[in-house]
Amino acid sequence: MKRHLLIISCSDKKDNREGLIPAIQRYTGAWYGVMNKLKREGRFPENLDTLIISAKYGLILSEELIENYDRRMDISRARELNDSVVGKLKQILENAAYESILINLGRDYMEAIKKFEEVVPDSIKVSMLMGSIGKRKSRLKKLILSIQ
C-alpha cells in the first residue's frame, strides 16, 4: 500500500488535561477537528502518516506523547527550529517510502521547514495548502479523502 505524509502545524487550542497524551489528541484546532471527524467516521486513510510542527517540540510524530504547554510559533522560533525540523524530516523520509507529502502550514510555520525540498526525493509529489483557514480546511478534507 502506498504511503502518504501530512505535515501540519500545532494549535493554540489544546486539550488541557494533565500529563502526557498523544500530540494528535493534545491539539484541538481547525485541522485536528477535520481529522478527528474523519477518524470517527472511519474515513481517515490508514496509509496517511501525520507529522506536526510544534512551537515547543519541533517536528513530532502525531502519536508522540506531549504535555500541555503554552508557546506560540513566531518567525524567530521557526528559524530556530529549522535545522532540527528539516533534519528530522530527512531522517523520516530515508526510513519510509512516501508517494506524496501534503503540507498545511501558516506563514510562520513555513520558516520552520525552509529548504525542506532539499531533503525530499524527486519521486515524492509535494502539495501545499494555501489560502484562508476555511479554504484550507475544505481542501485538507478533500485531499485526505482522495488518498487511496
C-alpha atoms as a PDB file:
ATOM      1  CA  MET A   1       0.000   0.000   0.000  1.00  0.00           C
ATOM      2  CA  LYS A   2       1.316   3.431  -0.956  1.00  0.00           C
ATOM      3  CA  ARG A   3       2.081   5.695   1.992  1.00  0.00           C
ATOM      4  CA  HIS A   4       1.387   9.407   2.223  1.00  0.00           C
ATOM      5  CA  LEU A   5       2.553  12.069   4.665  1.00  0.00           C
ATOM      6  CA  LEU A   6       0.707  15.063   6.085  1.00  0.00           C
ATOM      7  CA  ILE A   7       2.666  17.869   7.777  1.00  0.00           C
ATOM      8  CA  ILE A   8       0.573  20.271   9.844  1.00  0.00           C
ATOM      9  CA  SER A   9       1.110  22.917  12.482  1.00  0.00           C
ATOM     10  CA  CYS A  10       0.353  22.592  16.148  1.00  0.00           C
ATOM     11  CA  SER A  11      -2.583  24.528  17.531  1.00  0.00           C
ATOM     12  CA  ASP A  12      -3.033  27.119  20.234  1.00  0.00           C
ATOM     13  CA  LYS A  13      -6.263  25.293  21.096  1.00  0.00           C
ATOM     14  CA  LYS A  14      -5.354  22.306  23.226  1.00  0.00           C
ATOM     15  CA  ASP A  15      -6.790  19.605  25.414  1.00  0.00           C
ATOM     16  CA  ASN A  16      -5.574  20.874  28.792  1.00  0.00           C
ATOM     17  CA  ARG A  17      -5.527  17.508  30.577  1.00  0.00           C
ATOM     18  CA  GLU A  18      -2.573  16.998  32.881  1.00  0.00           C
ATOM     19  CA  GLY A  19       0.222  14.611  31.951  1.00  0.00           C
ATOM     20  CA  LEU A  20       1.362  13.239  28.639  1.00  0.00           C
ATOM     21  CA  ILE A  21      -1.072  12.455  25.824  1.00  0.00           C
ATOM     22  CA  PRO A  22      -0.520  11.873  22.081  1.00  0.00           C
ATOM     23  CA  ALA A  23       0.037  15.114  20.173  1.00  0.00           C
ATOM     24  CA  ILE A  24      -2.851  14.287  17.835  1.00  0.00           C
ATOM     25  CA  GLN A  25      -5.146  14.336  20.906  1.00  0.00           C
ATOM     26  CA  ARG A  26      -3.466  17.313  22.619  1.00  0.00           C
ATOM     27  CA  TYR A  27      -4.159  19.729  19.759  1.00  0.00           C
ATOM     28  CA  THR A  28      -7.796  20.602  19.075  1.00  0.00           C
ATOM     29  CA  GLY A  29      -7.639  23.392  16.479  1.00  0.00           C
ATOM     30  CA  ALA A  30      -9.100  23.545  12.973  1.00  0.00           C
ATOM     31  CA  TRP A  31      -7.017  20.837  11.254  1.00  0.00           C
ATOM     32  CA  TYR A  32      -7.500  18.457  14.144  1.00  0.00           C
ATOM     33  CA  GLY A  33     -11.265  18.883  14.012  1.00  0.00           C
ATOM     34  CA  VAL A  34     -11.257  17.837  10.343  1.00  0.00           C
ATOM     35  CA  MET A  35      -9.009  14.843  11.004  1.00  0.00           C
ATOM     36  CA  ASN A  36     -10.831  13.687  14.145  1.00  0.00           C
ATOM     37  CA  LYS A  37     -14.189  13.830  12.394  1.00  0.00           C
ATOM     38  CA  LEU A  38     -12.872  11.703   9.534  1.00  0.00           C
ATOM     39  CA  LYS A  39     -11.422   9.246  12.067  1.00  0.00           C
ATOM     40  CA  ARG A  40     -14.743   8.994  13.946  1.00  0.00           C
ATOM     41  CA  GLU A  41     -16.488   8.334  10.631  1.00  0.00           C
ATOM     42  CA  GLY A  42     -13.923   5.661   9.716  1.00  0.00           C
ATOM     43  CA  ARG A  43     -12.825   7.651   6.652  1.00  0.00           C
ATOM     44  CA  PHE A  44      -9.276   8.612   7.653  1.00  0.00           C
ATOM     45  CA  PRO A  45      -6.817   6.644   5.489  1.00  0.00           C
ATOM     46  CA  GLU A  46      -4.633   4.130   7.322  1.00  0.00           C
ATOM     47  CA  ASN A  47      -1.808   4.864   4.898  1.00  0.00           C
ATOM     48  CA  LEU A  48      -1.607   8.561   5.837  1.00  0.00           C
ATOM     49  CA  ASP A  49       1.033   9.424   8.440  1.00  0.00           C
ATOM     50  CA  THR A  50       0.893  12.771  10.216  1.00  0.00           C
ATOM     51  CA  LEU A  51       3.782  14.919  11.405  1.00  0.00           C
ATOM     52  CA  ILE A  52       3.228  18.037  13.479  1.00  0.00           C
ATOM     53  CA  ILE A  53       5.429  21.094  13.738  1.00  0.00           C
ATOM     54  CA  SER A  54       5.202  22.201  17.353  1.00  0.00           C
ATOM     55  CA  ALA A  55       6.364  25.548  18.677  1.00  0.00           C
ATOM     56  CA  LYS A  56       7.756  23.735  21.718  1.00  0.00           C
ATOM     57  CA  TYR A  57       8.890  20.358  20.376  1.00  0.00           C
ATOM     58  CA  GLY A  58       9.786  20.937  16.720  1.00  0.00           C
ATOM     59  CA  LEU A  59       8.809  18.176  14.285  1.00  0.00           C
ATOM     60  CA  ILE A  60       6.972  15.376  16.089  1.00  0.00           C
ATOM     61  CA  LEU A  61       5.040  12.261  15.210  1.00  0.00           C
ATOM     62  CA  SER A  62       1.291  12.564  15.719  1.00  0.00           C
ATOM     63  CA  GLU A  63       1.339   9.787  18.341  1.00  0.00           C
ATOM     64  CA  GLU A  64       4.260  11.268  20.282  1.00  0.00           C
ATOM     65  CA  LEU A  65       3.329  11.881  23.913  1.00  0.00           C
ATOM     66  CA  ILE A  66       3.485  15.547  24.882  1.00  0.00           C
ATOM     67  CA  GLU A  67       2.495  17.675  27.836  1.00  0.00           C
ATOM     68  CA  ASN A  68       0.225  20.695  27.783  1.00  0.00           C
ATOM     69  CA  TYR A  69       2.173  23.891  27.113  1.00  0.00           C
ATOM     70  CA  ASP A  70       1.728  27.478  26.026  1.00  0.00           C
ATOM     71  CA  ARG A  71       4.245  28.571  23.433  1.00  0.00           C
ATOM     72  CA  ARG A  72       3.390  30.374  20.221  1.00  0.00           C
ATOM     73  CA  MET A  73       5.225  29.954  16.965  1.00  0.00           C
ATOM     74  CA  ASP A  74       6.756  33.108  15.598  1.00  0.00           C
ATOM     75  CA  ILE A  75       9.308  33.730  12.861  1.00  0.00           C
ATOM     76  CA  SER A  76      12.189  33.744  15.316  1.00  0.00           C
ATOM     77  CA  ARG A  77      11.197  30.409  16.885  1.00  0.00           C
ATOM     78  CA  ALA A  78      10.543  28.860  13.460  1.00  0.00           C
ATOM     79  CA  ARG A  79      14.014  29.854  12.274  1.00  0.00           C
ATOM     80  CA  GLU A  80      15.486  28.448  15.475  1.00  0.00           C
ATOM     81  CA  LEU A  81      13.753  25.108  14.796  1.00  0.00           C
ATOM     82  CA  ASN A  82      14.531  24.945  11.069  1.00  0.00           C
ATOM     83  CA  ASP A  83      17.687  22.813  11.129  1.00  0.00           C
ATOM     84  CA  SER A  84      16.238  20.240  13.527  1.00  0.00           C
ATOM     85  CA  VAL A  85      12.876  20.098  11.686  1.00  0.00           C
ATOM     86  CA  VAL A  86      14.464  19.608   8.267  1.00  0.00           C
ATOM     87  CA  GLY A  87      16.995  17.143   9.712  1.00  0.00           C
ATOM     88  CA  LYS A  88      14.275  15.043  11.316  1.00  0.00           C
ATOM     89  CA  LEU A  89      12.184  15.167   8.135  1.00  0.00           C
ATOM     90  CA  LYS A  90      15.193  13.910   6.166  1.00  0.00           C
ATOM     91  CA  GLN A  91      15.584  11.013   8.614  1.00  0.00           C
ATOM     92  CA  ILE A  92      11.896  10.110   8.354  1.00  0.00           C
ATOM     93  CA  LEU A  93      11.968  10.219   4.558  1.00  0.00           C
ATOM     94  CA  GLU A  94      15.065   7.989   4.474  1.00  0.00           C
ATOM     95  CA  ASN A  95      13.237   5.357   6.527  1.00  0.00           C
ATOM     96  CA  ALA A  96       9.864   5.297   4.774  1.00  0.00           C
ATOM     97  CA  ALA A  97       8.742   5.287   1.154  1.00  0.00           C
ATOM     98  CA  TYR A  98       6.151   8.012   0.655  1.00  0.00           C
ATOM     99  CA  GLU A  99       4.325   8.707  -2.588  1.00  0.00           C
ATOM    100  CA  SER A 100       3.207  12.191  -1.559  1.00  0.00           C
ATOM    101  CA  ILE A 101       3.549  14.871   1.080  1.00  0.00           C
ATOM    102  CA  LEU A 102       0.765  17.307   1.879  1.00  0.00           C
ATOM    103  CA  ILE A 103       1.905  20.430   3.732  1.00  0.00           C
ATOM    104  CA  ASN A 104      -0.616  22.569   5.592  1.00  0.00           C
ATOM    105  CA  LEU A 105       1.279  25.322   7.390  1.00  0.00           C
ATOM    106  CA  GLY A 106       0.842  29.023   8.011  1.00  0.00           C
ATOM    107  CA  ARG A 107       3.454  31.617   7.130  1.00  0.00           C
ATOM    108  CA  ASP A 108       5.447  31.454  10.381  1.00  0.00           C
ATOM    109  CA  TYR A 109       5.494  27.650  10.341  1.00  0.00           C
ATOM    110  CA  MET A 110       6.802  27.651   6.767  1.00  0.00           C
ATOM    111  CA  GLU A 111      10.004  29.185   8.134  1.00  0.00           C
ATOM    112  CA  ALA A 112      10.481  26.015  10.205  1.00  0.00           C
ATOM    113  CA  ILE A 113      10.660  23.888   7.047  1.00  0.00           C
ATOM    114  CA  LYS A 114      12.558  26.332   4.865  1.00  0.00           C
ATOM    115  CA  LYS A 115      14.662  24.413   2.308  1.00  0.00           C
ATOM    116  CA  PHE A 116      12.768  21.167   3.054  1.00  0.00           C
ATOM    117  CA  GLU A 117      12.727  20.456  -0.689  1.00  0.00           C
ATOM    118  CA  GLU A 118      16.463  19.735  -0.458  1.00  0.00           C
ATOM    119  CA  VAL A 119      15.709  16.568   1.555  1.00  0.00           C
ATOM    120  CA  VAL A 120      12.613  15.413  -0.350  1.00  0.00           C
ATOM    121  CA  PRO A 121      13.354  12.903  -3.129  1.00  0.00           C
ATOM    122  CA  ASP A 122      12.149  13.936  -6.594  1.00  0.00           C
ATOM    123  CA  SER A 123       9.901  10.867  -6.677  1.00  0.00           C
ATOM    124  CA  ILE A 124       7.656  12.303  -3.926  1.00  0.00           C
ATOM    125  CA  LYS A 125       4.838  14.623  -5.017  1.00  0.00           C
ATOM    126  CA  VAL A 126       4.567  17.645  -2.698  1.00  0.00           C
ATOM    127  CA  SER A 127       1.324  19.629  -2.339  1.00  0.00           C
ATOM    128  CA  MET A 128       0.948  22.819  -0.307  1.00  0.00           C
ATOM    129  CA  LEU A 129      -2.348  24.107   1.029  1.00  0.00           C
ATOM    130  CA  MET A 130      -2.664  27.865   0.690  1.00  0.00           C
ATOM    131  CA  GLY A 131      -5.341  30.437   1.405  1.00  0.00           C
ATOM    132  CA  SER A 132      -7.719  31.195   4.243  1.00  0.00           C
ATOM    133  CA  ILE A 133      -8.294  28.758   7.099  1.00  0.00           C
ATOM    134  CA  GLY A 134     -11.741  27.895   5.746  1.00  0.00           C
ATOM    135  CA  LYS A 135     -10.396  27.110   2.277  1.00  0.00           C
ATOM    136  CA  ARG A 136      -7.524  25.107   3.722  1.00  0.00           C
ATOM    137  CA  LYS A 137      -9.884  23.089   5.958  1.00  0.00           C
ATOM    138  CA  SER A 138     -12.074  22.231   2.988  1.00  0.00           C
ATOM    139  CA  ARG A 139      -9.119  21.336   0.781  1.00  0.00           C
ATOM    140  CA  LEU A 140      -7.498  19.334   3.590  1.00  0.00           C
ATOM    141  CA  LYS A 141     -10.613  17.208   3.939  1.00  0.00           C
ATOM    142  CA  LYS A 142     -10.868  16.713   0.175  1.00  0.00           C
ATOM    143  CA  LEU A 143      -7.205  15.714  -0.157  1.00  0.00           C
ATOM    144  CA  ILE A 144      -7.347  13.329   2.811  1.00  0.00           C
ATOM    145  CA  LEU A 145     -10.412  11.645   1.334  1.00  0.00           C
ATOM    146  CA  SER A 146      -8.689  11.329  -2.068  1.00  0.00           C
ATOM    147  CA  ILE A 147      -5.861   9.195  -0.644  1.00  0.00           C
ATOM    148  CA  GLN A 148      -6.059   5.557  -1.654  1.00  0.00           C
END
